[in-house]
Amino acid sequence: MAGSNYSKVDEYGFERPKDFDFKTYDAFMSQYVKVLTRRALRWNNMFGNQRNINFRKNATLKRFVRKGIPTEFRTRCWMTVSGAERIKNSSNLTYQQLKSRSVSSTDEMMDAIKIDLPRTFPDNIFFSGREPLPNMLYNVLATFAHQNSEVGYCQGLSYVAGLILLVTKDEAASFWLLKTLIEQLLPKYYVRTMSGLITDLDVLNELVRKYEPLVQRHIQNIGMPWAMGTTKWFICLYADVLPTETVLRIWDSLFFEGSKILFRVALTLIRLHKAAILQTSDLSELTGVFRNMKNHPRVIDCHSFMKDVFELSGNLSNSTLEKLRITYKKE
């Protein structure tokens, strides 16, 4: 839009698409800047004057995290509440030691990582030219692959690790956060069989059947497998699917509360688009609705969207989720 105050590149380095809705974004940011200022003041009052911030998990911090972690606190908070700091401190080897064992390798897995690097966020200025992030991303992925033989490297990991790097700008922190996500918070999404991912797609189908039976029946009647519409949601943790600021707000809660957040986001997206889904008459129209969910004004407004996530997605507990996973578990 002519006259917009926003550049063609966002604060995380992503080039805005030609059809970017500056009008909707302008309306959102005019309000969200006030929210960001208010949250930064609250976080500074709570944590800013402490030399050694203790992000102890409790109801107060959970409430703060759900309302968004300010940029300057995000890396430290993610490391603490996810358990990554504890895993790092209990490791017999430092990141640098693990890295030195892996980055000189030239095996097939390393070649696969190198092939995927140019495909990762090609519209991001920090992953192009002579910027250091592509090399840092290779190091993180290669180090992780060699210390976890069950997973190794899987397409989708580059988007997750890449976005973590955009936030932290720190190789070591990015490695420990990636390790914690894949090995602790997500159940076998990235193993070769993707058994955990397949199970969770069945769990999502059951949750939609329970909470939105009309939508579930409609999708089933059209014949769209859940894998077609939602695999990228789970495998990329919504990175490269939803607006970046919305994804980071989702990840704030993912690191604190675990993988149930992925389902709460999925249910919210489906409920926000219920009318559009039910109006589709064939597979092409239905997949189009799923592809365009990122453009919904409520999704762009990440603060309102996260309120929806905790109000529209039902009372999904970790215990309920684990029972469903046992029911639909794939060996």
Protein backbone atom coordinates (compact mmCIF):
# COMPACT_ATOMS: atom_id res chain seq x y z
CA MET A 1 0.00 0.00 0.00
CA ALA A 2 1.37 3.40 -0.94
CA GLY A 3 1.98 5.57 2.06
CA SER A 4 2.57 2.72 4.50
CA ASN A 5 5.12 3.44 7.21
CA TYR A 6 6.43 -0.13 7.05
CA SER A 7 9.34 -1.32 4.93
CA LYS A 8 9.31 -4.25 2.53
CA VAL A 9 11.33 -6.24 5.09
CA ASP A 10 10.01 -6.99 8.58
CA GLU A 11 12.03 -6.79 11.79
CA TYR A 12 13.07 -10.45 11.50
CA GLY A 13 14.44 -9.99 7.99
CA PHE A 14 11.56 -11.50 6.00
CA GLU A 15 10.62 -9.77 2.76
CA ARG A 16 6.93 -8.97 2.70
CA PRO A 17 5.05 -10.61 -0.22
CA LYS A 18 3.73 -8.47 -3.06
CA ASP A 19 0.17 -9.00 -1.88
CA PHE A 20 0.99 -8.10 1.74
CA ASP A 21 -2.00 -6.45 3.40
CA PHE A 22 -0.40 -3.27 4.76
CA LYS A 23 -3.80 -1.83 5.70
CA THR A 24 -4.63 -4.72 8.04
CA TYR A 25 -1.07 -4.72 9.39
CA ASP A 26 -1.16 -0.96 10.00
CA ALA A 27 -4.40 -1.34 11.97
CA PHE A 28 -2.91 -4.17 14.02
CA MET A 29 0.42 -2.46 14.76
CA SER A 30 -1.19 0.82 15.80
CA GLN A 31 -2.63 -1.10 18.76
CA TYR A 32 0.06 -3.74 19.25
CA VAL A 33 2.84 -1.19 19.79
CA LYS A 34 0.96 -0.10 22.91
CA VAL A 35 0.72 -3.71 24.04
CA LEU A 36 4.45 -4.26 23.48
CA THR A 37 5.32 -1.14 25.46
CA ARG A 38 3.05 -2.15 28.31
CA ARG A 39 4.40 -5.72 28.41
CA ALA A 40 8.03 -4.52 28.31
CA LEU A 41 7.38 -2.29 31.32
CA ARG A 42 5.75 -5.17 33.21
CA TRP A 43 8.64 -7.54 32.46
CA ASN A 44 11.23 -4.93 33.38
CA ASN A 45 9.45 -4.23 36.65
CA MET A 46 9.31 -7.95 37.40
CA PHE A 47 12.74 -9.10 36.14
CA GLY A 48 14.72 -6.18 34.73
CA ASN A 49 16.65 -5.16 37.86
CA GLN A 50 17.87 -8.66 38.72
CA ARG A 51 21.39 -9.66 37.78
CA ASN A 52 20.56 -13.36 37.65
CA ILE A 53 17.00 -13.67 36.46
CA ASN A 54 15.24 -16.69 37.92
CA PHE A 55 12.46 -17.64 35.54
CA ARG A 56 10.89 -20.10 37.94
CA LYS A 57 7.82 -21.75 36.43
CA ASN A 58 4.74 -20.65 38.33
CA ALA A 59 1.27 -19.26 37.66
CA THR A 60 2.51 -15.67 37.46
CA LEU A 61 5.21 -16.42 34.90
CA LYS A 62 2.77 -18.57 32.91
CA ARG A 63 0.41 -15.59 32.69
CA PHE A 64 3.28 -13.33 31.63
CA VAL A 65 4.46 -15.79 28.98
CA ARG A 66 0.97 -16.19 27.53
CA LYS A 67 0.82 -12.44 27.03
CA GLY A 68 4.15 -12.43 25.19
CA ILE A 69 7.83 -12.43 26.12
CA PRO A 70 9.63 -9.19 25.19
CA THR A 71 12.46 -9.67 22.70
CA GLU A 72 15.22 -8.88 25.19
CA PHE A 73 14.00 -11.60 27.59
CA ARG A 74 13.02 -14.27 25.04
CA THR A 75 16.23 -16.31 24.71
CA ARG A 76 16.89 -16.47 28.45
CA CYS A 77 13.26 -17.27 29.25
CA TRP A 78 12.99 -19.97 26.56
CA MET A 79 16.20 -21.60 27.80
CA THR A 80 14.95 -21.71 31.39
CA VAL A 81 11.28 -22.63 31.13
CA SER A 82 11.83 -25.28 28.43
CA GLY A 83 14.47 -27.12 30.45
CA ALA A 84 17.18 -26.39 27.86
CA GLU A 85 19.37 -24.63 30.44
CA ARG A 86 19.18 -27.67 32.72
CA ILE A 87 20.00 -30.06 29.84
CA LYS A 88 22.93 -27.86 28.83
CA ASN A 89 24.31 -27.75 32.38
CA SER A 90 23.96 -31.51 32.87
CA SER A 91 25.67 -32.40 29.57
CA ASN A 92 29.12 -33.97 29.75
CA LEU A 93 30.09 -32.09 26.61
CA THR A 94 29.73 -28.42 25.71
CA TYR A 95 28.17 -27.33 22.44
CA GLN A 96 31.62 -26.47 21.07
CA GLN A 97 32.87 -29.97 21.88
CA LEU A 98 29.83 -31.58 20.25
CA LYS A 99 30.21 -29.29 17.25
CA SER A 100 33.88 -30.17 16.76
CA ARG A 101 32.91 -33.84 16.44
CA SER A 102 30.40 -33.26 13.68
CA VAL A 103 30.98 -30.29 11.36
CA SER A 104 33.95 -31.84 9.56
CA SER A 105 31.88 -34.82 8.41
CA THR A 106 31.00 -35.21 4.73
CA ASP A 107 28.46 -38.04 4.96
CA GLU A 108 25.08 -38.22 3.21
CA MET A 109 23.23 -36.56 6.09
CA MET A 110 25.47 -33.51 5.98
CA ASP A 111 24.93 -33.28 2.24
CA ALA A 112 21.16 -33.26 2.82
CA ILE A 113 21.55 -30.37 5.27
CA LYS A 114 23.64 -28.40 2.77
CA ILE A 115 21.02 -28.94 0.06
CA ASP A 116 18.26 -27.63 2.35
CA LEU A 117 20.10 -24.51 3.54
CA PRO A 118 19.30 -22.36 0.46
CA ARG A 119 15.67 -23.48 0.67
CA THR A 120 15.32 -22.31 4.26
CA PHE A 121 13.70 -18.87 4.44
CA PRO A 122 14.84 -17.80 0.94
CA ASP A 123 12.84 -14.59 1.48
CA ASN A 124 14.88 -13.63 4.55
CA ILE A 125 17.78 -11.19 4.16
CA PHE A 126 19.69 -12.79 7.06
CA PHE A 127 19.84 -16.12 5.21
CA SER A 128 21.20 -14.70 1.97
CA GLY A 129 24.48 -13.42 0.60
CA ARG A 130 27.37 -13.32 3.03
CA GLU A 131 25.29 -13.24 6.19
CA PRO A 132 26.58 -15.56 8.97
CA LEU A 133 23.26 -17.26 9.76
CA PRO A 134 23.37 -19.95 7.01
CA ASN A 135 26.70 -21.22 8.33
CA MET A 136 25.44 -21.03 11.92
CA LEU A 137 22.32 -22.97 10.88
CA TYR A 138 24.47 -25.66 9.26
CA ASN A 139 26.53 -26.00 12.43
CA VAL A 140 23.45 -26.32 14.66
CA LEU A 141 21.76 -28.90 12.40
CA ALA A 142 24.95 -30.91 11.83
CA THR A 143 25.77 -30.97 15.53
CA PHE A 144 22.26 -32.05 16.43
CA ALA A 145 22.20 -34.73 13.72
CA HIS A 146 25.41 -36.36 14.94
CA GLN A 147 24.46 -36.44 18.60
CA ASN A 148 20.96 -37.83 17.91
CA SER A 149 21.22 -40.86 15.64
CA GLU A 150 17.50 -41.69 15.95
CA VAL A 151 16.51 -38.40 14.31
CA GLY A 152 19.60 -37.36 12.40
CA TYR A 153 18.31 -34.73 10.00
CA CYS A 154 14.72 -34.32 8.80
CA GLN A 155 13.24 -31.73 6.46
CA GLY A 156 11.40 -29.21 8.58
CA LEU A 157 14.15 -29.02 11.20
CA SER A 158 15.88 -26.29 9.21
CA TYR A 159 12.84 -24.00 9.55
CA VAL A 160 12.61 -24.62 13.30
CA ALA A 161 16.33 -24.17 13.92
CA GLY A 162 16.45 -21.20 11.53
CA LEU A 163 13.75 -19.28 13.36
CA ILE A 164 15.35 -20.05 16.72
CA LEU A 165 18.59 -18.57 15.36
CA LEU A 166 16.77 -15.45 14.16
CA VAL A 167 15.61 -14.94 17.75
CA THR A 168 18.75 -15.88 19.68
CA LYS A 169 21.54 -15.00 17.20
CA ASP A 170 23.44 -17.58 19.26
CA GLU A 171 24.56 -21.00 17.97
CA ALA A 172 24.90 -22.69 21.34
CA ALA A 173 21.55 -21.48 22.70
CA SER A 174 19.87 -22.48 19.42
CA PHE A 175 21.35 -25.98 19.62
CA TRP A 176 20.17 -26.57 23.19
CA LEU A 177 16.70 -25.20 22.43
CA LEU A 178 16.43 -27.39 19.31
CA LYS A 179 17.61 -30.44 21.26
CA THR A 180 15.03 -29.78 23.98
CA LEU A 181 12.21 -29.32 21.49
CA ILE A 182 12.95 -32.48 19.52
CA GLU A 183 13.96 -34.78 22.34
CA GLN A 184 11.76 -33.57 25.20
CA LEU A 185 8.76 -31.51 24.08
CA LEU A 186 7.74 -33.19 20.80
CA PRO A 187 7.00 -36.93 20.67
CA LYS A 188 8.90 -38.54 17.77
CA TYR A 189 7.87 -36.05 15.10
CA TYR A 190 11.23 -36.19 13.35
CA VAL A 191 12.25 -39.85 13.54
CA ARG A 192 12.38 -41.63 10.19
CA THR A 193 8.91 -43.19 10.61
CA MET A 194 7.43 -39.89 11.89
CA SER A 195 5.33 -42.08 14.17
CA GLY A 196 4.67 -39.30 16.67
CA LEU A 197 3.52 -36.91 13.95
CA ILE A 198 1.19 -39.51 12.41
CA THR A 199 -0.28 -40.21 15.85
CA ASP A 200 -0.83 -36.52 16.54
CA LEU A 201 -2.63 -36.01 13.23
CA ASP A 202 -5.06 -38.73 14.32
CA VAL A 203 -5.36 -37.02 17.71
CA LEU A 204 -6.16 -33.72 15.97
CA ASN A 205 -8.87 -35.46 13.93
CA GLU A 206 -10.41 -36.77 17.16
CA LEU A 207 -10.26 -33.34 18.83
CA VAL A 208 -11.94 -31.68 15.85
CA ARG A 209 -14.57 -34.45 15.84
CA LYS A 210 -15.23 -33.73 19.53
CA TYR A 211 -15.24 -29.93 19.42
CA GLU A 212 -16.30 -29.21 15.82
CA PRO A 213 -18.11 -32.31 14.47
CA LEU A 214 -19.59 -30.45 11.47
CA VAL A 215 -16.12 -29.39 10.35
CA GLN A 216 -14.69 -32.87 10.87
CA ARG A 217 -17.49 -34.49 8.85
CA HIS A 218 -17.19 -31.91 6.08
CA ILE A 219 -13.43 -32.42 5.73
CA GLN A 220 -13.93 -36.18 5.79
CA ASN A 221 -16.66 -36.03 3.13
CA ILE A 222 -14.51 -33.92 0.80
CA GLY A 223 -11.71 -36.41 1.32
CA MET A 224 -8.86 -34.24 2.54
CA PRO A 225 -6.44 -36.22 4.73
CA TRP A 226 -5.37 -34.25 7.79
CA ALA A 227 -1.79 -34.80 6.67
CA MET A 228 -2.44 -32.71 3.57
CA GLY A 229 -3.74 -29.68 5.44
CA THR A 230 -1.82 -29.73 8.70
CA THR A 231 1.48 -31.67 8.47
CA LYS A 232 3.44 -28.43 7.99
CA TRP A 233 1.69 -26.93 11.04
CA PHE A 234 3.22 -29.60 13.26
CA ILE A 235 6.51 -30.40 11.50
CA CYS A 236 7.50 -26.70 11.26
CA LEU A 237 5.73 -25.70 14.49
CA TYR A 238 3.85 -23.11 12.39
CA ALA A 239 7.10 -21.48 11.17
CA ASP A 240 6.80 -20.58 7.48
CA VAL A 241 3.02 -21.09 7.90
CA LEU A 242 1.79 -18.18 10.05
CA PRO A 243 3.10 -14.60 10.47
CA THR A 244 6.44 -14.55 12.28
CA GLU A 245 5.30 -12.56 15.32
CA THR A 246 2.34 -14.92 15.72
CA VAL A 247 4.66 -17.94 15.52
CA LEU A 248 6.96 -16.52 18.19
CA ARG A 249 4.02 -15.88 20.50
CA ILE A 250 2.99 -19.52 19.96
CA TRP A 251 6.53 -20.67 20.72
CA ASP A 252 6.60 -18.64 23.96
CA SER A 253 3.81 -20.89 25.26
CA LEU A 254 5.15 -24.02 23.53
CA PHE A 255 8.43 -23.79 25.42
CA PHE A 256 6.57 -23.19 28.70
CA GLU A 257 3.57 -25.54 28.38
CA GLY A 258 4.63 -28.20 25.90
CA SER A 259 3.15 -29.65 22.73
CA LYS A 260 -0.51 -29.28 23.73
CA ILE A 261 -0.14 -25.68 22.51
CA LEU A 262 0.21 -26.98 18.94
CA PHE A 263 -3.26 -28.55 19.20
CA ARG A 264 -4.81 -25.50 20.82
CA VAL A 265 -3.50 -23.37 17.96
CA ALA A 266 -4.79 -25.87 15.38
CA LEU A 267 -8.27 -25.90 16.94
CA THR A 268 -8.30 -22.10 17.07
CA LEU A 269 -7.34 -21.81 13.39
CA ILE A 270 -10.09 -24.26 12.45
CA ARG A 271 -12.70 -22.47 14.56
CA LEU A 272 -11.77 -19.05 13.15
CA HIS A 273 -12.18 -20.47 9.65
CA LYS A 274 -15.17 -22.70 10.34
CA ALA A 275 -17.55 -20.80 8.04
CA ALA A 276 -15.02 -20.72 5.19
CA ILE A 277 -14.31 -24.43 5.56
CA LEU A 278 -17.98 -25.37 5.52
CA GLN A 279 -18.55 -23.29 2.38
CA THR A 280 -16.02 -25.31 0.35
CA SER A 281 -17.30 -27.87 -2.12
CA ASP A 282 -14.14 -29.63 -3.31
CA LEU A 283 -10.58 -30.48 -2.31
CA SER A 284 -9.03 -27.54 -4.14
CA GLU A 285 -11.22 -24.99 -2.34
CA LEU A 286 -10.63 -26.66 1.03
CA THR A 287 -6.85 -26.78 0.74
CA GLY A 288 -6.99 -23.13 -0.38
CA VAL A 289 -8.71 -22.19 2.88
CA PHE A 290 -5.97 -23.96 4.86
CA ARG A 291 -3.19 -22.27 2.85
CA ASN A 292 -4.68 -18.82 3.36
CA MET A 293 -5.30 -19.03 7.10
CA LYS A 294 -2.21 -16.88 7.70
CA ASN A 295 -4.00 -13.91 6.11
CA HIS A 296 -6.94 -13.80 8.53
CA PRO A 297 -6.87 -10.43 10.36
CA ARG A 298 -7.27 -12.23 13.69
CA VAL A 299 -4.22 -14.40 12.92
CA ILE A 300 -2.14 -11.37 11.93
CA ASP A 301 -3.15 -9.74 15.21
CA CYS A 302 -1.00 -12.10 17.27
CA HIS A 303 -2.10 -10.68 20.63
CA SER A 304 -5.79 -11.24 19.91
CA PHE A 305 -5.01 -14.60 18.32
CA MET A 306 -3.27 -15.87 21.45
CA LYS A 307 -6.27 -14.79 23.51
CA ASP A 308 -8.37 -16.88 21.14
CA VAL A 309 -6.00 -19.83 21.57
CA PHE A 310 -6.72 -19.96 25.28
CA GLU A 311 -10.43 -19.22 24.96
CA LEU A 312 -11.57 -21.08 21.83
CA SER A 313 -9.57 -24.31 22.01
CA GLY A 314 -11.27 -25.97 24.98
CA ASN A 315 -9.65 -27.16 28.18
CA LEU A 316 -6.99 -29.44 26.71
CA SER A 317 -4.71 -30.79 29.43
CA ASN A 318 -1.45 -32.67 28.99
CA SER A 319 -3.00 -35.74 30.65
CA THR A 320 -5.92 -35.74 28.18
CA LEU A 321 -3.51 -35.36 25.28
CA GLU A 322 -1.33 -38.26 26.47
CA LYS A 323 -4.37 -40.55 26.81
CA LEU A 324 -5.37 -39.73 23.24
CA ARG A 325 -1.82 -40.39 22.04
CA ILE A 326 -1.87 -43.81 23.67
CA THR A 327 -5.17 -44.57 21.92
CA TYR A 328 -3.85 -43.60 18.49
CA LYS A 329 -0.20 -44.52 18.96
CA LYS A 330 1.64 -45.72 15.86
CA GLU A 331 4.50 -48.14 16.37
